[in-house]
Amino acid sequence: MKFTFKIGSKIKEVWSLYKKHFTNFLLLTIITFVIQFFGSQDNWILTLILNLINLLLSYVWIRSILSLIDKKEFKPFSHEMTPSMEQYWNLLKTTILYSLCVLAGFILLVIPAFYVTGRLMFSVYLSIEKNQGARKSIKESWNMTRGYGWKLFWKSFVIGLFMVIGFVAFFVGSFITYPIGMVVLIMMYREFSLFSRTRVTTTEESQTN
């Protein structure tokens, strides 16, 4: 079995979703950019507070987009899209552990860090979707991406370049490329999750036969 995910066709698919929910995407992107801008100041206390708020926004982004992909309502500013304290705590722990794993890869060499990024890139999504702790989310991401670390890294890298295009060309373009890129990334997570389950089932059936 091979995992195929054509980024170009997914961007075209997401474009219609972006136009349909333009206002919500625009407001969410503006809030995100404002928080990130003020979070880069020299005041470390303010930076810490805003980074914690930015993590809250990350939860809202991912939870809302998962709902959208699953053909449910896209209401990022509703109560249902905000995390409980337990959900936020799980996300915070997972984000920290993920960052430490990638940092360890950089300490070894740059290339291992890229590989680790590809293997663990779904850990945050798993934590949010399943409301599970850091170690379980990291372990599950590592297991489900076995054999696809490099492929997933390069695909996420290309999507990341697409998101940055809006900043490089005209800043206003980022209000289009950033949210579309976010949706494409989470679509890749959703499709790879399905692929991973199918792969496991196929392997178990072949072993039984």
N, C-alpha and C. Protein backbone atom coordinates (compact mmCIF):
# COMPACT_ATOMS: atom_id res chain seq x y z
N MET A 1 0.83 -1.20 0.00
CA MET A 1 0.00 0.00 0.00
C MET A 1 0.86 1.25 0.00
N LYS A 2 0.43 2.26 -0.72
CA LYS A 2 1.14 3.53 -0.76
C LYS A 2 0.20 4.67 -0.36
N PHE A 3 0.77 5.63 0.35
CA PHE A 3 -0.02 6.79 0.74
C PHE A 3 0.17 7.88 -0.30
N THR A 4 -0.90 8.27 -0.94
CA THR A 4 -0.85 9.33 -1.94
C THR A 4 -1.67 10.52 -1.44
N PHE A 5 -1.04 11.68 -1.53
CA PHE A 5 -1.70 12.91 -1.09
C PHE A 5 -1.20 14.03 -1.99
N LYS A 6 -2.00 14.43 -2.96
CA LYS A 6 -1.60 15.42 -3.93
C LYS A 6 -1.93 16.82 -3.41
N ILE A 7 -0.90 17.55 -3.06
CA ILE A 7 -1.07 18.84 -2.42
C ILE A 7 -1.79 19.84 -3.31
N GLY A 8 -1.42 19.88 -4.59
CA GLY A 8 -2.04 20.83 -5.52
C GLY A 8 -3.54 20.67 -5.61
N SER A 9 -3.99 19.42 -5.74
CA SER A 9 -5.43 19.18 -5.86
C SER A 9 -6.14 19.47 -4.54
N LYS A 10 -5.47 19.25 -3.42
CA LYS A 10 -6.07 19.53 -2.11
C LYS A 10 -6.23 21.04 -1.91
N ILE A 11 -5.26 21.82 -2.38
CA ILE A 11 -5.36 23.28 -2.27
C ILE A 11 -6.57 23.77 -3.05
N LYS A 12 -6.77 23.22 -4.24
CA LYS A 12 -7.94 23.60 -5.04
C LYS A 12 -9.23 23.21 -4.33
N GLU A 13 -9.23 22.06 -3.70
CA GLU A 13 -10.41 21.59 -2.98
C GLU A 13 -10.72 22.50 -1.79
N VAL A 14 -9.68 22.90 -1.08
CA VAL A 14 -9.86 23.73 0.12
C VAL A 14 -10.27 25.15 -0.25
N TRP A 15 -9.91 25.61 -1.44
CA TRP A 15 -10.24 26.96 -1.87
C TRP A 15 -11.73 27.24 -1.77
N SER A 16 -12.55 26.27 -2.18
CA SER A 16 -14.01 26.45 -2.11
C SER A 16 -14.47 26.53 -0.65
N LEU A 17 -13.83 25.76 0.24
CA LEU A 17 -14.18 25.82 1.66
C LEU A 17 -13.78 27.17 2.24
N TYR A 18 -12.64 27.67 1.79
CA TYR A 18 -12.15 28.97 2.27
C TYR A 18 -13.12 30.08 1.88
N LYS A 19 -13.57 30.07 0.64
CA LYS A 19 -14.51 31.10 0.18
C LYS A 19 -15.84 31.02 0.93
N LYS A 20 -16.27 29.81 1.21
CA LYS A 20 -17.55 29.62 1.89
C LYS A 20 -17.50 30.14 3.32
N HIS A 21 -16.35 29.98 3.96
CA HIS A 21 -16.21 30.38 5.38
C HIS A 21 -15.20 31.51 5.51
N PHE A 22 -15.19 32.39 4.54
CA PHE A 22 -14.18 33.44 4.47
C PHE A 22 -14.10 34.29 5.73
N THR A 23 -15.22 34.73 6.26
CA THR A 23 -15.22 35.63 7.41
C THR A 23 -14.58 34.99 8.63
N ASN A 24 -14.97 33.76 8.93
CA ASN A 24 -14.39 33.07 10.09
C ASN A 24 -12.89 32.82 9.92
N PHE A 25 -12.49 32.42 8.72
CA PHE A 25 -11.07 32.21 8.45
C PHE A 25 -10.28 33.50 8.59
N LEU A 26 -10.84 34.58 8.07
CA LEU A 26 -10.15 35.87 8.12
C LEU A 26 -9.99 36.34 9.56
N LEU A 27 -11.05 36.29 10.35
CA LEU A 27 -10.98 36.74 11.74
C LEU A 27 -10.01 35.89 12.55
N LEU A 28 -10.05 34.59 12.34
CA LEU A 28 -9.16 33.69 13.08
C LEU A 28 -7.70 33.94 12.71
N THR A 29 -7.45 34.20 11.43
CA THR A 29 -6.09 34.47 10.97
C THR A 29 -5.58 35.80 11.52
N ILE A 30 -6.43 36.83 11.51
CA ILE A 30 -6.03 38.14 12.05
C ILE A 30 -5.66 38.02 13.53
N ILE A 31 -6.49 37.35 14.29
CA ILE A 31 -6.21 37.17 15.72
C ILE A 31 -4.90 36.43 15.93
N THR A 32 -4.67 35.39 15.13
CA THR A 32 -3.44 34.60 15.23
C THR A 32 -2.21 35.45 14.93
N PHE A 33 -2.27 36.25 13.88
CA PHE A 33 -1.13 37.09 13.50
C PHE A 33 -0.85 38.17 14.55
N VAL A 34 -1.91 38.73 15.11
CA VAL A 34 -1.73 39.77 16.15
C VAL A 34 -1.05 39.17 17.38
N ILE A 35 -1.52 37.99 17.80
CA ILE A 35 -0.93 37.33 18.97
C ILE A 35 0.53 36.98 18.70
N GLN A 36 0.82 36.46 17.51
CA GLN A 36 2.20 36.10 17.18
C GLN A 36 3.10 37.32 17.11
N PHE A 37 2.58 38.44 16.62
CA PHE A 37 3.38 39.66 16.52
C PHE A 37 3.78 40.17 17.90
N PHE A 38 2.81 40.30 18.79
CA PHE A 38 3.11 40.81 20.13
C PHE A 38 3.86 39.78 20.97
N GLY A 39 3.74 38.51 20.58
CA GLY A 39 4.45 37.45 21.30
C GLY A 39 5.94 37.42 21.00
N SER A 40 6.37 38.17 20.03
CA SER A 40 7.78 38.19 19.65
C SER A 40 8.53 39.40 20.24
N GLN A 41 7.93 40.07 21.21
CA GLN A 41 8.55 41.24 21.82
C GLN A 41 9.59 40.82 22.86
N ASP A 42 10.34 41.80 23.39
CA ASP A 42 11.42 41.52 24.33
C ASP A 42 10.94 41.18 25.73
N ASN A 43 9.74 41.58 26.07
CA ASN A 43 9.19 41.31 27.40
C ASN A 43 8.86 39.81 27.52
N TRP A 44 9.67 39.07 28.28
CA TRP A 44 9.53 37.61 28.31
C TRP A 44 8.24 37.17 29.00
N ILE A 45 7.77 37.94 29.97
CA ILE A 45 6.51 37.59 30.64
C ILE A 45 5.34 37.71 29.67
N LEU A 46 5.31 38.82 28.92
CA LEU A 46 4.27 39.01 27.92
C LEU A 46 4.37 37.95 26.84
N THR A 47 5.60 37.64 26.45
CA THR A 47 5.83 36.62 25.42
C THR A 47 5.30 35.27 25.88
N LEU A 48 5.56 34.91 27.13
CA LEU A 48 5.09 33.63 27.67
C LEU A 48 3.57 33.57 27.68
N ILE A 49 2.95 34.65 28.16
CA ILE A 49 1.48 34.69 28.23
C ILE A 49 0.86 34.57 26.84
N LEU A 50 1.41 35.32 25.88
CA LEU A 50 0.87 35.30 24.53
C LEU A 50 1.12 33.97 23.83
N ASN A 51 2.23 33.32 24.15
CA ASN A 51 2.48 31.99 23.58
C ASN A 51 1.49 30.97 24.11
N LEU A 52 1.11 31.11 25.36
CA LEU A 52 0.08 30.23 25.93
C LEU A 52 -1.28 30.49 25.27
N ILE A 53 -1.55 31.76 25.00
CA ILE A 53 -2.78 32.10 24.28
C ILE A 53 -2.73 31.57 22.85
N ASN A 54 -1.54 31.65 22.24
CA ASN A 54 -1.37 31.14 20.88
C ASN A 54 -1.61 29.64 20.82
N LEU A 55 -1.23 28.94 21.89
CA LEU A 55 -1.49 27.50 21.95
C LEU A 55 -2.98 27.23 22.01
N LEU A 56 -3.70 28.09 22.75
CA LEU A 56 -5.16 27.99 22.79
C LEU A 56 -5.74 28.18 21.39
N LEU A 57 -5.21 29.15 20.65
CA LEU A 57 -5.67 29.38 19.28
C LEU A 57 -5.37 28.18 18.38
N SER A 58 -4.23 27.54 18.62
CA SER A 58 -3.89 26.34 17.84
C SER A 58 -4.93 25.26 18.04
N TYR A 59 -5.39 25.11 19.29
CA TYR A 59 -6.45 24.13 19.57
C TYR A 59 -7.71 24.48 18.79
N VAL A 60 -8.08 25.75 18.82
CA VAL A 60 -9.29 26.20 18.12
C VAL A 60 -9.16 25.95 16.62
N TRP A 61 -8.00 26.29 16.06
CA TRP A 61 -7.75 26.05 14.63
C TRP A 61 -7.98 24.57 14.29
N ILE A 62 -7.27 23.71 15.02
CA ILE A 62 -7.28 22.28 14.67
C ILE A 62 -8.64 21.66 14.91
N ARG A 63 -9.24 21.94 16.05
CA ARG A 63 -10.57 21.38 16.37
C ARG A 63 -11.61 21.84 15.36
N SER A 64 -11.57 23.12 14.99
CA SER A 64 -12.54 23.67 14.04
C SER A 64 -12.37 23.06 12.65
N ILE A 65 -11.11 22.93 12.22
CA ILE A 65 -10.85 22.38 10.88
C ILE A 65 -11.20 20.90 10.82
N LEU A 66 -10.93 20.17 11.90
CA LEU A 66 -11.35 18.76 11.94
C LEU A 66 -12.86 18.65 11.77
N SER A 67 -13.58 19.54 12.43
CA SER A 67 -15.04 19.56 12.30
C SER A 67 -15.44 19.87 10.86
N LEU A 68 -14.74 20.80 10.24
CA LEU A 68 -15.04 21.19 8.85
C LEU A 68 -14.77 20.03 7.90
N ILE A 69 -13.64 19.38 8.07
CA ILE A 69 -13.27 18.25 7.20
C ILE A 69 -14.26 17.11 7.33
N ASP A 70 -14.77 16.92 8.54
CA ASP A 70 -15.74 15.84 8.78
C ASP A 70 -17.16 16.25 8.38
N LYS A 71 -17.23 17.36 7.61
CA LYS A 71 -18.50 17.85 7.07
C LYS A 71 -19.48 18.25 8.16
N LYS A 72 -18.95 18.80 9.23
CA LYS A 72 -19.77 19.36 10.29
C LYS A 72 -19.67 20.88 10.23
N GLU A 73 -20.19 21.56 11.22
CA GLU A 73 -20.18 23.02 11.20
C GLU A 73 -18.76 23.57 11.46
N PHE A 74 -18.48 24.70 10.85
CA PHE A 74 -17.21 25.38 11.09
C PHE A 74 -17.50 26.63 11.91
N LYS A 75 -17.38 26.49 13.23
CA LYS A 75 -17.67 27.59 14.14
C LYS A 75 -16.52 27.73 15.13
N PRO A 76 -15.41 28.33 14.68
CA PRO A 76 -14.22 28.43 15.54
C PRO A 76 -14.42 29.28 16.79
N PHE A 77 -15.42 30.14 16.80
CA PHE A 77 -15.63 31.02 17.94
C PHE A 77 -16.75 30.53 18.86
N SER A 78 -17.14 29.29 18.69
CA SER A 78 -18.17 28.72 19.55
C SER A 78 -17.54 28.06 20.77
N HIS A 79 -18.34 27.85 21.79
CA HIS A 79 -17.85 27.25 23.04
C HIS A 79 -17.33 25.83 22.80
N GLU A 80 -17.94 25.11 21.86
CA GLU A 80 -17.55 23.73 21.60
C GLU A 80 -16.13 23.60 21.07
N MET A 81 -15.61 24.66 20.48
CA MET A 81 -14.29 24.61 19.88
C MET A 81 -13.17 25.02 20.84
N THR A 82 -13.52 25.43 22.05
CA THR A 82 -12.51 25.82 23.04
C THR A 82 -12.22 24.64 23.98
N PRO A 83 -10.97 24.50 24.38
CA PRO A 83 -10.61 23.33 25.21
C PRO A 83 -10.98 23.49 26.67
N SER A 84 -11.21 22.36 27.31
CA SER A 84 -11.33 22.35 28.77
C SER A 84 -9.91 22.45 29.33
N MET A 85 -9.79 22.58 30.64
CA MET A 85 -8.47 22.65 31.25
C MET A 85 -7.68 21.36 31.00
N GLU A 86 -8.37 20.24 31.05
CA GLU A 86 -7.70 18.95 30.80
C GLU A 86 -7.20 18.88 29.37
N GLN A 87 -8.04 19.28 28.42
CA GLN A 87 -7.65 19.24 27.01
C GLN A 87 -6.49 20.18 26.73
N TYR A 88 -6.52 21.36 27.34
CA TYR A 88 -5.43 22.33 27.15
C TYR A 88 -4.14 21.80 27.76
N TRP A 89 -4.23 21.20 28.92
CA TRP A 89 -3.06 20.66 29.59
C TRP A 89 -2.43 19.53 28.77
N ASN A 90 -3.27 18.66 28.21
CA ASN A 90 -2.76 17.59 27.35
C ASN A 90 -2.05 18.16 26.13
N LEU A 91 -2.63 19.20 25.54
CA LEU A 91 -2.02 19.83 24.37
C LEU A 91 -0.69 20.48 24.73
N LEU A 92 -0.64 21.16 25.87
CA LEU A 92 0.59 21.81 26.30
C LEU A 92 1.70 20.79 26.52
N LYS A 93 1.39 19.69 27.20
CA LYS A 93 2.38 18.65 27.46
C LYS A 93 2.87 18.03 26.16
N THR A 94 1.94 17.77 25.25
CA THR A 94 2.31 17.15 23.97
C THR A 94 3.19 18.08 23.15
N THR A 95 2.84 19.36 23.13
CA THR A 95 3.64 20.34 22.38
C THR A 95 5.05 20.44 22.94
N ILE A 96 5.18 20.46 24.26
CA ILE A 96 6.50 20.54 24.89
C ILE A 96 7.33 19.30 24.58
N LEU A 97 6.71 18.10 24.73
CA LEU A 97 7.44 16.86 24.49
C LEU A 97 7.83 16.73 23.02
N TYR A 98 6.94 17.13 22.13
CA TYR A 98 7.24 17.12 20.70
C TYR A 98 8.42 18.03 20.40
N SER A 99 8.42 19.22 20.96
CA SER A 99 9.50 20.19 20.74
C SER A 99 10.83 19.65 21.26
N LEU A 100 10.80 18.98 22.41
CA LEU A 100 12.02 18.42 22.98
C LEU A 100 12.56 17.29 22.11
N CYS A 101 11.68 16.49 21.53
CA CYS A 101 12.11 15.40 20.65
C CYS A 101 12.77 15.96 19.39
N VAL A 102 12.17 16.99 18.81
CA VAL A 102 12.76 17.62 17.62
C VAL A 102 14.09 18.28 17.97
N LEU A 103 14.14 18.94 19.13
CA LEU A 103 15.38 19.58 19.58
C LEU A 103 16.49 18.55 19.74
N ALA A 104 16.14 17.38 20.27
CA ALA A 104 17.13 16.31 20.43
C ALA A 104 17.67 15.89 19.06
N GLY A 105 16.79 15.89 18.06
CA GLY A 105 17.22 15.57 16.70
C GLY A 105 18.20 16.59 16.17
N PHE A 106 17.96 17.85 16.47
CA PHE A 106 18.87 18.92 16.03
C PHE A 106 20.22 18.83 16.74
N ILE A 107 20.19 18.42 18.01
CA ILE A 107 21.44 18.28 18.75
C ILE A 107 22.29 17.17 18.14
N LEU A 108 21.64 16.08 17.73
CA LEU A 108 22.36 14.99 17.08
C LEU A 108 22.91 15.46 15.73
N LEU A 109 22.01 15.93 14.88
CA LEU A 109 22.33 16.52 13.57
C LEU A 109 21.03 17.07 13.02
N VAL A 110 21.10 17.88 12.00
CA VAL A 110 19.90 18.49 11.44
C VAL A 110 19.01 17.44 10.79
N ILE A 111 19.58 16.52 10.06
CA ILE A 111 18.80 15.52 9.31
C ILE A 111 17.94 14.66 10.23
N PRO A 112 18.47 14.15 11.35
CA PRO A 112 17.58 13.41 12.27
C PRO A 112 16.40 14.23 12.76
N ALA A 113 16.60 15.53 12.92
CA ALA A 113 15.50 16.39 13.38
C ALA A 113 14.38 16.44 12.35
N PHE A 114 14.73 16.49 11.07
CA PHE A 114 13.72 16.49 10.01
C PHE A 114 12.94 15.17 10.03
N TYR A 115 13.66 14.07 10.23
CA TYR A 115 13.01 12.76 10.26
C TYR A 115 12.06 12.65 11.45
N VAL A 116 12.53 13.10 12.62
CA VAL A 116 11.69 13.07 13.82
C VAL A 116 10.45 13.94 13.63
N THR A 117 10.63 15.08 12.96
CA THR A 117 9.49 15.96 12.69
C THR A 117 8.43 15.24 11.87
N GLY A 118 8.88 14.51 10.85
CA GLY A 118 7.93 13.75 10.01
C GLY A 118 7.22 12.66 10.77
N ARG A 119 7.94 11.99 11.67
CA ARG A 119 7.35 10.89 12.42
C ARG A 119 6.38 11.36 13.51
N LEU A 120 6.65 12.53 14.08
CA LEU A 120 5.86 12.99 15.23
C LEU A 120 4.91 14.13 14.90
N MET A 121 4.80 14.49 13.62
CA MET A 121 4.02 15.67 13.25
C MET A 121 2.54 15.55 13.57
N PHE A 122 2.03 14.34 13.74
CA PHE A 122 0.61 14.16 14.02
C PHE A 122 0.30 14.09 15.52
N SER A 123 1.31 14.15 16.36
CA SER A 123 1.09 13.98 17.80
C SER A 123 0.16 15.04 18.38
N VAL A 124 0.31 16.29 17.95
CA VAL A 124 -0.55 17.37 18.45
C VAL A 124 -1.99 17.15 18.01
N TYR A 125 -2.18 16.75 16.76
CA TYR A 125 -3.54 16.49 16.26
C TYR A 125 -4.19 15.34 17.03
N LEU A 126 -3.41 14.30 17.31
CA LEU A 126 -3.93 13.15 18.06
C LEU A 126 -4.32 13.57 19.48
N SER A 127 -3.50 14.40 20.09
CA SER A 127 -3.79 14.87 21.45
C SER A 127 -5.10 15.63 21.49
N ILE A 128 -5.32 16.49 20.49
CA ILE A 128 -6.54 17.29 20.44
C ILE A 128 -7.75 16.44 20.11
N GLU A 129 -7.62 15.62 19.09
CA GLU A 129 -8.78 14.83 18.65
C GLU A 129 -9.20 13.78 19.67
N LYS A 130 -8.22 13.14 20.33
CA LYS A 130 -8.52 12.05 21.25
C LYS A 130 -8.41 12.45 22.72
N ASN A 131 -8.02 13.71 22.96
CA ASN A 131 -7.84 14.20 24.32
C ASN A 131 -6.99 13.23 25.14
N GLN A 132 -5.78 12.99 24.63
CA GLN A 132 -4.90 12.07 25.32
C GLN A 132 -3.57 12.76 25.66
N GLY A 133 -2.83 12.15 26.57
CA GLY A 133 -1.61 12.75 27.08
C GLY A 133 -0.47 12.77 26.09
N ALA A 134 0.64 13.37 26.53
CA ALA A 134 1.78 13.60 25.65
C ALA A 134 2.45 12.30 25.21
N ARG A 135 2.78 11.44 26.16
CA ARG A 135 3.51 10.22 25.80
C ARG A 135 2.69 9.32 24.88
N LYS A 136 1.40 9.21 25.15
CA LYS A 136 0.55 8.38 24.31
C LYS A 136 0.43 8.95 22.91
N SER A 137 0.30 10.28 22.80
CA SER A 137 0.17 10.93 21.49
C SER A 137 1.46 10.81 20.69
N ILE A 138 2.60 11.02 21.36
CA ILE A 138 3.90 10.88 20.70
C ILE A 138 4.10 9.45 20.22
N LYS A 139 3.81 8.49 21.07
CA LYS A 139 3.99 7.08 20.72
C LYS A 139 3.09 6.68 19.56
N GLU A 140 1.83 7.13 19.59
CA GLU A 140 0.89 6.78 18.54
C GLU A 140 1.31 7.38 17.20
N SER A 141 1.76 8.63 17.22
CA SER A 141 2.23 9.26 15.98
C SER A 141 3.44 8.53 15.43
N TRP A 142 4.36 8.15 16.31
CA TRP A 142 5.58 7.45 15.89
C TRP A 142 5.24 6.11 15.24
N ASN A 143 4.30 5.40 15.84
CA ASN A 143 3.92 4.09 15.32
C ASN A 143 3.16 4.19 13.99
N MET A 144 2.23 5.13 13.89
CA MET A 144 1.39 5.20 12.69
C MET A 144 2.16 5.71 11.48
N THR A 145 3.25 6.44 11.69
CA THR A 145 4.01 7.01 10.57
C THR A 145 5.22 6.17 10.20
N ARG A 146 5.32 4.98 10.75
CA ARG A 146 6.47 4.11 10.47
C ARG A 146 6.60 3.87 8.95
N GLY A 147 7.77 4.15 8.43
CA GLY A 147 8.02 3.97 7.01
C GLY A 147 7.65 5.17 6.15
N TYR A 148 7.10 6.21 6.78
CA TYR A 148 6.65 7.39 6.03
C TYR A 148 7.18 8.70 6.60
N GLY A 149 8.19 8.62 7.46
CA GLY A 149 8.72 9.81 8.10
C GLY A 149 9.20 10.86 7.11
N TRP A 150 10.03 10.43 6.16
CA TRP A 150 10.57 11.39 5.20
C TRP A 150 9.50 11.93 4.26
N LYS A 151 8.62 11.05 3.81
CA LYS A 151 7.56 11.48 2.88
C LYS A 151 6.65 12.52 3.53
N LEU A 152 6.29 12.29 4.77
CA LEU A 152 5.41 13.22 5.48
C LEU A 152 6.13 14.54 5.76
N PHE A 153 7.42 14.45 6.07
CA PHE A 153 8.17 15.68 6.31
C PHE A 153 8.21 16.55 5.07
N TRP A 154 8.51 15.96 3.92
CA TRP A 154 8.62 16.75 2.69
C TRP A 154 7.28 17.32 2.27
N LYS A 155 6.22 16.55 2.47
CA LYS A 155 4.90 17.07 2.12
C LYS A 155 4.52 18.24 3.03
N SER A 156 4.80 18.11 4.31
CA SER A 156 4.51 19.21 5.24
C SER A 156 5.40 20.41 4.94
N PHE A 157 6.64 20.16 4.48
CA PHE A 157 7.55 21.24 4.12
C PHE A 157 7.01 22.03 2.93
N VAL A 158 6.49 21.31 1.94
CA VAL A 158 5.92 21.97 0.75
C VAL A 158 4.69 22.79 1.14
N ILE A 159 3.85 22.23 2.00
CA ILE A 159 2.67 22.96 2.47
C ILE A 159 3.10 24.20 3.24
N GLY A 160 4.16 24.06 4.04
CA GLY A 160 4.68 25.20 4.78
C GLY A 160 5.18 26.30 3.86
N LEU A 161 5.84 25.92 2.77
CA LEU A 161 6.29 26.91 1.78
C LEU A 161 5.11 27.64 1.17
N PHE A 162 4.05 26.90 0.90
CA PHE A 162 2.84 27.52 0.35
C PHE A 162 2.28 28.56 1.32
N MET A 163 2.29 28.23 2.60
CA MET A 163 1.76 29.15 3.61
C MET A 163 2.62 30.42 3.71
N VAL A 164 3.94 30.27 3.49
CA VAL A 164 4.86 31.40 3.59
C VAL A 164 4.79 32.30 2.37
N ILE A 165 4.34 31.75 1.24
CA ILE A 165 4.28 32.53 0.00
C ILE A 165 3.53 33.84 0.21
N GLY A 166 2.46 33.79 0.97
CA GLY A 166 1.66 34.99 1.20
C GLY A 166 2.44 36.10 1.89
N PHE A 167 3.41 35.72 2.74
CA PHE A 167 4.24 36.71 3.42
C PHE A 167 5.31 37.27 2.49
N VAL A 168 5.88 36.39 1.67
CA VAL A 168 6.99 36.79 0.81
C VAL A 168 6.51 37.72 -0.31
N ALA A 169 5.41 37.35 -0.95
CA ALA A 169 4.91 38.15 -2.07
C ALA A 169 4.26 39.43 -1.56
N PHE A 170 3.06 39.31 -1.07
CA PHE A 170 2.36 40.46 -0.46
C PHE A 170 1.80 39.96 0.86
N PHE A 171 2.01 40.70 1.92
CA PHE A 171 1.59 40.24 3.24
C PHE A 171 0.12 39.86 3.27
N VAL A 172 -0.69 40.61 2.52
CA VAL A 172 -2.13 40.34 2.51
C VAL A 172 -2.42 38.93 2.00
N GLY A 173 -1.52 38.41 1.18
CA GLY A 173 -1.73 37.07 0.65
C GLY A 173 -1.69 36.00 1.71
N SER A 174 -1.02 36.31 2.83
CA SER A 174 -0.93 35.33 3.91
C SER A 174 -2.29 35.05 4.54
N PHE A 175 -3.23 35.99 4.39
CA PHE A 175 -4.58 35.76 4.91
C PHE A 175 -5.33 34.72 4.08
N ILE A 176 -4.73 34.35 2.96
CA ILE A 176 -5.29 33.29 2.12
C ILE A 176 -4.47 32.01 2.28
N THR A 177 -3.15 32.13 2.10
CA THR A 177 -2.30 30.94 2.10
C THR A 177 -2.19 30.29 3.48
N TYR A 178 -2.19 31.10 4.54
CA TYR A 178 -2.04 30.53 5.89
C TYR A 178 -3.22 29.63 6.27
N PRO A 179 -4.47 30.11 6.21
CA PRO A 179 -5.58 29.22 6.59
C PRO A 179 -5.75 28.05 5.64
N ILE A 180 -5.53 28.26 4.34
CA ILE A 180 -5.66 27.15 3.39
C ILE A 180 -4.61 26.10 3.70
N GLY A 181 -3.37 26.54 3.99
CA GLY A 181 -2.32 25.59 4.34
C GLY A 181 -2.64 24.81 5.60
N MET A 182 -3.24 25.47 6.58
CA MET A 182 -3.64 24.79 7.80
C MET A 182 -4.65 23.69 7.52
N VAL A 183 -5.62 23.99 6.68
CA VAL A 183 -6.64 22.99 6.34
C VAL A 183 -6.00 21.82 5.60
N VAL A 184 -5.10 22.08 4.67
CA VAL A 184 -4.45 21.02 3.89
C VAL A 184 -3.63 20.12 4.82
N LEU A 185 -2.90 20.71 5.77
CA LEU A 185 -2.13 19.92 6.72
C LEU A 185 -3.02 18.98 7.52
N ILE A 186 -4.14 19.48 7.98
CA ILE A 186 -5.03 18.66 8.80
C ILE A 186 -5.76 17.64 7.94
N MET A 187 -6.00 17.95 6.68
CA MET A 187 -6.55 16.96 5.76
C MET A 187 -5.57 15.81 5.57
N MET A 188 -4.28 16.14 5.51
CA MET A 188 -3.27 15.10 5.38
C MET A 188 -3.26 14.20 6.61
N TYR A 189 -3.41 14.81 7.78
CA TYR A 189 -3.50 14.01 9.01
C TYR A 189 -4.69 13.08 8.96
N ARG A 190 -5.85 13.62 8.58
CA ARG A 190 -7.06 12.81 8.57
C ARG A 190 -6.93 11.65 7.57
N GLU A 191 -6.41 11.93 6.38
CA GLU A 191 -6.29 10.89 5.35
C GLU A 191 -5.21 9.87 5.73
N PHE A 192 -4.13 10.33 6.36
CA PHE A 192 -3.10 9.37 6.76
C PHE A 192 -3.60 8.49 7.91
N SER A 193 -4.41 9.04 8.79
CA SER A 193 -4.99 8.24 9.87
C SER A 193 -5.81 7.09 9.30
N LEU A 194 -6.62 7.39 8.30
CA LEU A 194 -7.43 6.36 7.64
C LEU A 194 -6.52 5.36 6.95
N PHE A 195 -5.50 5.85 6.25
CA PHE A 195 -4.54 4.98 5.57
C PHE A 195 -3.84 4.06 6.56
N SER A 196 -3.46 4.61 7.71
CA SER A 196 -2.75 3.83 8.72
C SER A 196 -3.62 2.71 9.27
N ARG A 197 -4.89 3.01 9.54
CA ARG A 197 -5.79 1.98 10.04
C ARG A 197 -6.01 0.89 9.01
N THR A 198 -6.14 1.29 7.76
CA THR A 198 -6.32 0.31 6.68
C THR A 198 -5.08 -0.56 6.53
N ARG A 199 -3.91 0.05 6.66
CA ARG A 199 -2.65 -0.68 6.54
C ARG A 199 -2.51 -1.71 7.64
N VAL A 200 -2.88 -1.33 8.86
CA VAL A 200 -2.81 -2.26 9.99
C VAL A 200 -3.76 -3.42 9.79
N THR A 201 -4.99 -3.12 9.35
CA THR A 201 -5.99 -4.17 9.12
C THR A 201 -5.52 -5.13 8.04
N THR A 202 -4.97 -4.59 6.95
CA THR A 202 -4.48 -5.43 5.85
C THR A 202 -3.35 -6.34 6.31
N THR A 203 -2.44 -5.79 7.13
CA THR A 203 -1.32 -6.56 7.65
C THR A 203 -1.80 -7.69 8.54
N GLU A 204 -2.77 -7.39 9.40
CA GLU A 204 -3.30 -8.41 10.32
C GLU A 204 -3.99 -9.51 9.54
N GLU A 205 -4.73 -9.13 8.50
CA GLU A 205 -5.43 -10.14 7.69
C GLU A 205 -4.45 -11.03 6.94
N SER A 206 -3.38 -10.44 6.42
CA SER A 206 -2.39 -11.23 5.68
C SER A 206 -1.66 -12.19 6.62
N GLN A 207 -1.42 -11.76 7.87
CA GLN A 207 -0.76 -12.63 8.83
C GLN A 207 -1.66 -13.77 9.24
N THR A 208 -2.97 -13.48 9.33
CA THR A 208 -3.94 -14.53 9.69
C THR A 208 -4.04 -15.58 8.61
N ASN A 209 -4.04 -15.11 7.33
CA ASN A 209 -4.12 -16.03 6.20
C ASN A 209 -2.80 -16.78 5.99
